[in-house]
Amino acid sequence: MKKVATLTLILLISACSQDPVSTATDPDPINAVNSSTTDWLYLGQEPPGLIPEAFAPGIVTTEDYEYSGVFTPDMKEFYLSREGGKYEKMTSTVFQYKNNQWQESVISPRMGRPFFSPDGKTMHLGKRYKERTEAGWSEVKSLGSPFKDVPIMRLTASSKGTYFFDEFKPDFTGSIRYSRLIDGKHEEPKLLSKKINGGRSFHPLIAPDESYLIFDGEREGGYGDSDIYISYRQQDGSWGDAINMGDKINTGASEAFASVTPDGKYLFFTRNMGSDKYENVDIFWVDAQIIENLRSK
């Protein structure tokens, strides 16, 4: 069985055994920065170019397991999952920008992989979600029908309210579906074409304007394990061929969980830096110009 299937099973088990999300506690200040400038953005890190770099070494990226990093639309919260070191179990963590400094807090174990609606009002957690309130995030709620019986690992939403999500299957494969928002309700999920589902397809990321779809999986012609792919919306509304994002993003190791910062400037993803036991998975980032470079091809 290939390594991506093993990692996928671990993540699915984690997603299906999520505990209720508690209020973040024990903030750990990271660094004070000048709020009158934009130096506080991206946890105060120097942005990368077109070669991926580990994100926030020693703060976010360590010798332990970190994956699925994503910012809220206001860029003042950064969520990820991590395990190892002081985190004995898989833990959902948030970095929040408060009082001119970034603070790290543990939210809960096994929260899932958050993704935020473009308007910032909803935190999607697979087939569950939370709503932004004046007091913070609401309690966890269920999407209900027609999603409650679907084994979703990651669900993302466009500005139109269309959901794109993966469906994990018992044979360790996966496919990506979508569900449009019509008259205030989501339609029955529909399977994307074989251009997207031509192999093991997981963890979709839909652009806010639905102009591109990024996902990961194993396909013929890849670099040896899970790679990250992109497909662009065509003029007729269909999806183009899945394009491997290249040897700067993908390696012989496993790459997965792509996200793009809400300002559209940087692509984030995770890469296995350890053995096939995934004891060291790191979060990388790279200039999102790569998305436009590939579009031109």
Protein backbone atom coordinates (compact mmCIF):
# COMPACT_ATOMS: atom_id res chain seq x y z
CA MET A 1 0.00 0.00 0.00
CA LYS A 2 1.42 3.35 -0.91
CA LYS A 3 2.36 5.92 1.68
CA VAL A 4 -0.30 8.41 0.68
CA ALA A 5 -2.99 5.87 1.47
CA THR A 6 -1.54 5.35 4.94
CA LEU A 7 -1.42 9.08 5.61
CA THR A 8 -4.93 9.50 4.25
CA LEU A 9 -6.26 6.80 6.57
CA ILE A 10 -4.61 8.44 9.58
CA LEU A 11 -6.14 11.79 8.69
CA LEU A 12 -9.58 10.30 8.03
CA ILE A 13 -9.59 8.55 11.40
CA SER A 14 -8.61 11.85 13.00
CA ALA A 15 -11.38 13.69 11.16
CA CYS A 16 -14.02 11.12 12.07
CA SER A 17 -13.09 11.15 15.78
CA GLN A 18 -13.07 14.91 16.26
CA ASP A 19 -13.64 16.17 19.76
CA PRO A 20 -15.79 19.24 20.44
CA VAL A 21 -13.74 22.36 19.90
CA SER A 22 -12.94 24.23 23.09
CA THR A 23 -11.88 27.84 23.58
CA ALA A 24 -8.20 28.46 22.90
CA THR A 25 -6.14 28.67 26.09
CA ASP A 26 -2.63 29.36 27.34
CA PRO A 27 -1.49 31.88 24.72
CA ASP A 28 2.21 31.79 24.02
CA PRO A 29 3.57 35.14 22.72
CA ILE A 30 5.77 34.72 19.65
CA ASN A 31 7.05 38.14 18.69
CA ALA A 32 6.01 41.75 19.11
CA VAL A 33 5.78 43.76 15.88
CA ASN A 34 4.80 47.26 14.81
CA SER A 35 1.08 47.28 14.08
CA SER A 36 1.36 50.56 12.13
CA THR A 37 3.06 48.65 9.31
CA THR A 38 2.36 45.37 7.57
CA ASP A 39 5.37 43.67 9.18
CA TRP A 40 2.99 41.60 11.29
CA LEU A 41 1.64 39.73 8.27
CA TYR A 42 2.56 36.04 7.84
CA LEU A 43 3.73 35.84 11.49
CA GLY A 44 6.38 38.44 10.67
CA GLN A 45 8.19 36.12 8.26
CA GLU A 46 10.20 37.22 5.22
CA PRO A 47 8.20 36.09 2.15
CA PRO A 48 9.67 33.46 -0.20
CA GLY A 49 10.18 33.62 -3.94
CA LEU A 50 9.41 30.91 -6.48
CA ILE A 51 11.37 28.28 -4.53
CA PRO A 52 9.36 26.87 -1.60
CA GLU A 53 10.68 27.53 1.90
CA ALA A 54 9.72 26.16 5.30
CA PHE A 55 7.22 28.51 6.94
CA ALA A 56 8.27 30.19 10.19
CA PRO A 57 11.12 27.81 11.16
CA GLY A 58 11.21 27.13 14.87
CA ILE A 59 7.78 28.68 15.33
CA VAL A 60 5.48 26.76 12.99
CA THR A 61 7.85 24.40 11.20
CA THR A 62 9.84 22.13 13.51
CA GLU A 63 11.32 18.64 13.50
CA ASP A 64 7.88 17.33 14.45
CA TYR A 65 4.59 16.94 12.53
CA GLU A 66 2.80 20.07 11.23
CA TYR A 67 0.25 20.15 8.43
CA SER A 68 -2.74 21.92 6.90
CA GLY A 69 -1.80 25.54 7.61
CA VAL A 70 -4.40 28.16 6.65
CA PHE A 71 -5.06 31.85 7.41
CA THR A 72 -8.40 33.47 8.15
CA PRO A 73 -9.47 36.11 5.58
CA ASP A 74 -8.37 38.98 7.85
CA MET A 75 -4.91 37.33 8.06
CA LYS A 76 -4.92 37.65 11.86
CA GLU A 77 -5.33 33.94 12.64
CA PHE A 78 -3.31 31.00 11.35
CA TYR A 79 -4.58 27.47 12.01
CA LEU A 80 -2.67 24.20 11.72
CA SER A 81 -2.47 20.70 13.16
CA ARG A 82 0.65 19.43 14.88
CA GLU A 83 2.01 16.50 16.86
CA GLY A 84 5.31 15.79 18.59
CA GLY A 85 7.50 17.60 21.10
CA LYS A 86 5.23 19.25 23.68
CA TYR A 87 2.23 18.05 21.66
CA GLU A 88 1.91 14.39 22.60
CA LYS A 89 -1.27 13.92 20.56
CA MET A 90 -2.46 15.41 17.27
CA THR A 91 -3.47 18.93 18.27
CA SER A 92 -5.30 21.77 16.56
CA THR A 93 -3.37 24.99 17.11
CA VAL A 94 -3.96 28.64 16.27
CA PHE A 95 -1.62 31.62 16.06
CA GLN A 96 -3.56 34.84 16.73
CA TYR A 97 -2.36 38.40 16.23
CA LYS A 98 -3.31 40.28 19.41
CA ASN A 99 -1.83 43.28 21.19
CA ASN A 100 0.84 43.75 18.52
CA GLN A 101 2.14 40.20 18.80
CA TRP A 102 1.42 36.69 17.57
CA GLN A 103 0.26 34.27 20.25
CA GLU A 104 0.06 30.48 19.93
CA SER A 105 -2.82 28.66 21.59
CA VAL A 106 -3.98 25.05 21.65
CA ILE A 107 -7.62 24.77 20.62
CA SER A 108 -8.35 21.08 21.04
CA PRO A 109 -7.24 17.66 19.84
CA ARG A 110 -8.43 16.39 16.46
CA MET A 111 -10.43 19.39 15.30
CA GLY A 112 -10.03 18.55 11.64
CA ARG A 113 -8.68 20.73 8.86
CA PRO A 114 -10.20 24.21 8.97
CA PHE A 115 -10.97 26.13 5.81
CA PHE A 116 -12.59 29.56 5.88
CA SER A 117 -15.29 30.91 3.64
CA PRO A 118 -14.05 33.92 1.64
CA ASP A 119 -16.21 36.28 3.72
CA GLY A 120 -14.66 34.94 6.94
CA LYS A 121 -18.02 34.10 8.50
CA THR A 122 -17.70 30.30 8.41
CA MET A 123 -14.99 27.88 9.52
CA HIS A 124 -15.52 24.66 7.57
CA LEU A 125 -14.43 21.43 9.25
CA GLY A 126 -15.30 18.77 6.70
CA LYS A 127 -18.99 18.04 7.15
CA ARG A 128 -19.08 20.23 10.23
CA TYR A 129 -18.64 23.98 10.63
CA LYS A 130 -18.53 26.92 13.03
CA GLU A 131 -19.91 30.43 12.55
CA ARG A 132 -18.18 33.69 13.44
CA THR A 133 -20.04 35.58 16.18
CA GLU A 134 -19.34 38.78 18.10
CA ALA A 135 -17.92 36.62 20.90
CA GLY A 136 -15.75 34.48 18.60
CA TRP A 137 -16.51 31.14 16.95
CA SER A 138 -19.77 29.33 17.65
CA GLU A 139 -20.09 25.75 18.78
CA VAL A 140 -19.55 23.08 16.15
CA LYS A 141 -22.54 22.47 13.90
CA SER A 142 -23.34 19.81 11.31
CA LEU A 143 -23.90 20.52 7.61
CA GLY A 144 -26.56 17.84 7.68
CA SER A 145 -28.11 16.47 4.50
CA PRO A 146 -26.87 15.83 1.85
CA PHE A 147 -23.40 15.65 3.44
CA LYS A 148 -23.82 13.88 6.77
CA ASP A 149 -23.07 10.38 5.45
CA VAL A 150 -20.16 11.39 3.20
CA PRO A 151 -16.65 10.63 4.59
CA ILE A 152 -15.25 14.11 3.95
CA MET A 153 -11.68 14.96 4.89
CA ARG A 154 -11.56 18.52 3.52
CA LEU A 155 -14.28 20.86 2.33
CA THR A 156 -13.60 24.27 0.76
CA ALA A 157 -16.05 26.91 -0.42
CA SER A 158 -16.03 29.55 -3.16
CA SER A 159 -17.46 33.07 -2.96
CA LYS A 160 -20.58 31.69 -4.67
CA GLY A 161 -21.07 29.27 -1.79
CA THR A 162 -20.18 26.22 -3.91
CA TYR A 163 -18.60 23.42 -1.89
CA PHE A 164 -15.73 21.34 -3.25
CA PHE A 165 -14.80 18.37 -1.09
CA ASP A 166 -13.16 14.96 -1.16
CA GLU A 167 -14.80 11.62 -0.51
CA PHE A 168 -12.57 8.99 1.05
CA LYS A 169 -13.30 5.45 -0.09
CA PRO A 170 -12.71 2.10 1.66
CA ASP A 171 -10.20 1.03 -1.00
CA PHE A 172 -7.97 4.01 -0.02
CA THR A 173 -8.84 5.98 -3.13
CA GLY A 174 -10.59 9.30 -3.16
CA SER A 175 -12.65 11.46 -5.47
CA ILE A 176 -13.66 15.12 -5.50
CA ARG A 177 -17.23 16.33 -5.66
CA TYR A 178 -18.96 19.70 -5.69
CA SER A 179 -22.30 21.06 -4.54
CA ARG A 180 -23.70 24.40 -5.68
CA LEU A 181 -25.76 26.73 -3.51
CA ILE A 182 -29.15 27.06 -5.22
CA ASP A 183 -32.00 29.10 -3.69
CA GLY A 184 -30.30 29.01 -0.32
CA LYS A 185 -29.75 25.23 -0.26
CA HIS A 186 -26.92 22.99 -1.43
CA GLU A 187 -27.72 20.56 -4.19
CA GLU A 188 -26.89 16.86 -4.13
CA PRO A 189 -23.11 16.50 -4.60
CA LYS A 190 -21.87 15.83 -8.11
CA LEU A 191 -18.71 14.05 -9.16
CA LEU A 192 -16.11 16.08 -11.05
CA SER A 193 -14.83 14.72 -14.35
CA LYS A 194 -12.03 12.21 -14.83
CA LYS A 195 -9.70 15.11 -15.58
CA ILE A 196 -9.81 15.74 -11.83
CA ASN A 197 -10.64 12.24 -10.62
CA GLY A 198 -8.15 10.37 -12.77
CA GLY A 199 -6.29 8.90 -9.78
CA ARG A 200 -6.29 9.27 -6.03
CA SER A 201 -7.70 12.77 -5.54
CA PHE A 202 -7.84 14.44 -2.12
CA HIS A 203 -7.95 17.75 -0.22
CA PRO A 204 -9.38 20.15 -2.83
CA LEU A 205 -8.85 23.90 -2.71
CA ILE A 206 -11.24 25.97 -4.80
CA ALA A 207 -10.29 29.53 -5.72
CA PRO A 208 -12.77 32.13 -4.37
CA ASP A 209 -13.79 32.98 -7.96
CA GLU A 210 -13.71 29.29 -8.98
CA SER A 211 -11.07 30.01 -11.63
CA TYR A 212 -8.84 27.14 -10.49
CA LEU A 213 -8.94 24.01 -8.37
CA ILE A 214 -5.89 22.64 -6.55
CA PHE A 215 -5.78 19.15 -5.09
CA ASP A 216 -3.32 16.37 -4.28
CA GLY A 217 -3.03 12.69 -5.07
CA GLU A 218 -1.18 9.97 -6.94
CA ARG A 219 -1.39 9.96 -10.72
CA GLU A 220 0.63 8.54 -13.59
CA GLY A 221 3.66 10.66 -14.41
CA GLY A 222 3.99 12.00 -10.87
CA TYR A 223 7.13 12.25 -8.78
CA GLY A 224 6.68 9.06 -6.81
CA ASP A 225 4.19 9.82 -4.05
CA SER A 226 1.35 12.26 -3.45
CA ASP A 227 1.80 15.37 -5.63
CA ILE A 228 -0.08 18.66 -5.87
CA TYR A 229 -2.03 19.37 -9.06
CA ILE A 230 -3.97 22.31 -10.47
CA SER A 231 -6.81 22.53 -12.98
CA TYR A 232 -8.10 25.78 -14.52
CA ARG A 233 -11.67 26.63 -15.37
CA GLN A 234 -12.10 26.83 -19.15
CA GLN A 235 -14.14 29.41 -21.05
CA ASP A 236 -16.97 26.92 -21.52
CA GLY A 237 -17.15 26.32 -17.76
CA SER A 238 -15.49 22.89 -17.84
CA TRP A 239 -12.29 21.99 -16.00
CA GLY A 240 -9.02 21.64 -17.88
CA ASP A 241 -6.54 18.81 -17.55
CA ALA A 242 -4.90 18.38 -14.16
CA ILE A 243 -1.40 19.89 -14.29
CA ASN A 244 1.34 18.67 -11.97
CA MET A 245 2.65 21.79 -10.20
CA GLY A 246 6.23 20.80 -10.98
CA ASP A 247 9.46 19.75 -9.33
CA LYS A 248 9.77 22.89 -7.20
CA ILE A 249 6.54 22.02 -5.41
CA ASN A 250 6.55 18.23 -5.74
CA THR A 251 9.28 15.77 -4.84
CA GLY A 252 9.61 12.04 -4.34
CA ALA A 253 8.10 12.60 -0.90
CA SER A 254 4.44 13.35 -0.19
CA GLU A 255 3.08 16.86 -0.81
CA ALA A 256 -0.50 17.73 0.11
CA PHE A 257 -2.96 20.19 1.71
CA ALA A 258 -2.52 23.21 -0.52
CA SER A 259 -3.96 26.56 0.51
CA VAL A 260 -3.55 30.10 -0.79
CA THR A 261 -3.34 33.10 1.51
CA PRO A 262 -6.49 35.27 1.40
CA ASP A 263 -4.52 38.09 -0.25
CA GLY A 264 -3.68 35.66 -3.07
CA LYS A 265 0.08 36.14 -2.70
CA TYR A 266 1.37 32.81 -1.35
CA LEU A 267 0.71 29.11 -1.77
CA PHE A 268 1.04 26.94 1.34
CA PHE A 269 1.37 23.15 1.38
CA THR A 270 2.76 20.32 3.49
CA ARG A 271 5.68 18.01 2.69
CA ASN A 272 6.81 14.80 4.36
CA MET A 273 10.38 15.36 5.55
CA GLY A 274 10.61 12.12 7.55
CA SER A 275 10.23 8.43 6.85
CA ASP A 276 7.15 6.57 5.67
CA LYS A 277 5.91 6.88 9.27
CA TYR A 278 5.43 10.62 8.73
CA GLU A 279 7.12 11.63 11.96
CA ASN A 280 8.25 14.94 10.43
CA VAL A 281 5.81 16.72 8.13
CA ASP A 282 6.46 20.43 7.53
CA ILE A 283 4.52 23.40 6.19
CA PHE A 284 6.06 25.19 3.20
CA TRP A 285 5.13 28.36 1.35
CA VAL A 286 5.99 29.80 -2.06
CA ASP A 287 5.07 32.81 -4.20
CA ALA A 288 1.61 32.22 -5.70
CA GLN A 289 2.90 33.57 -9.02
CA ILE A 290 3.45 29.90 -9.80
CA ILE A 291 -0.33 29.61 -10.28
CA GLU A 292 -0.28 32.22 -13.03
CA ASN A 293 2.89 30.79 -14.55
CA LEU A 294 1.22 27.41 -14.95
CA ARG A 295 -1.97 28.98 -16.29
CA SER A 296 -0.01 30.50 -19.16
CA LYS A 297 1.14 27.03 -20.21
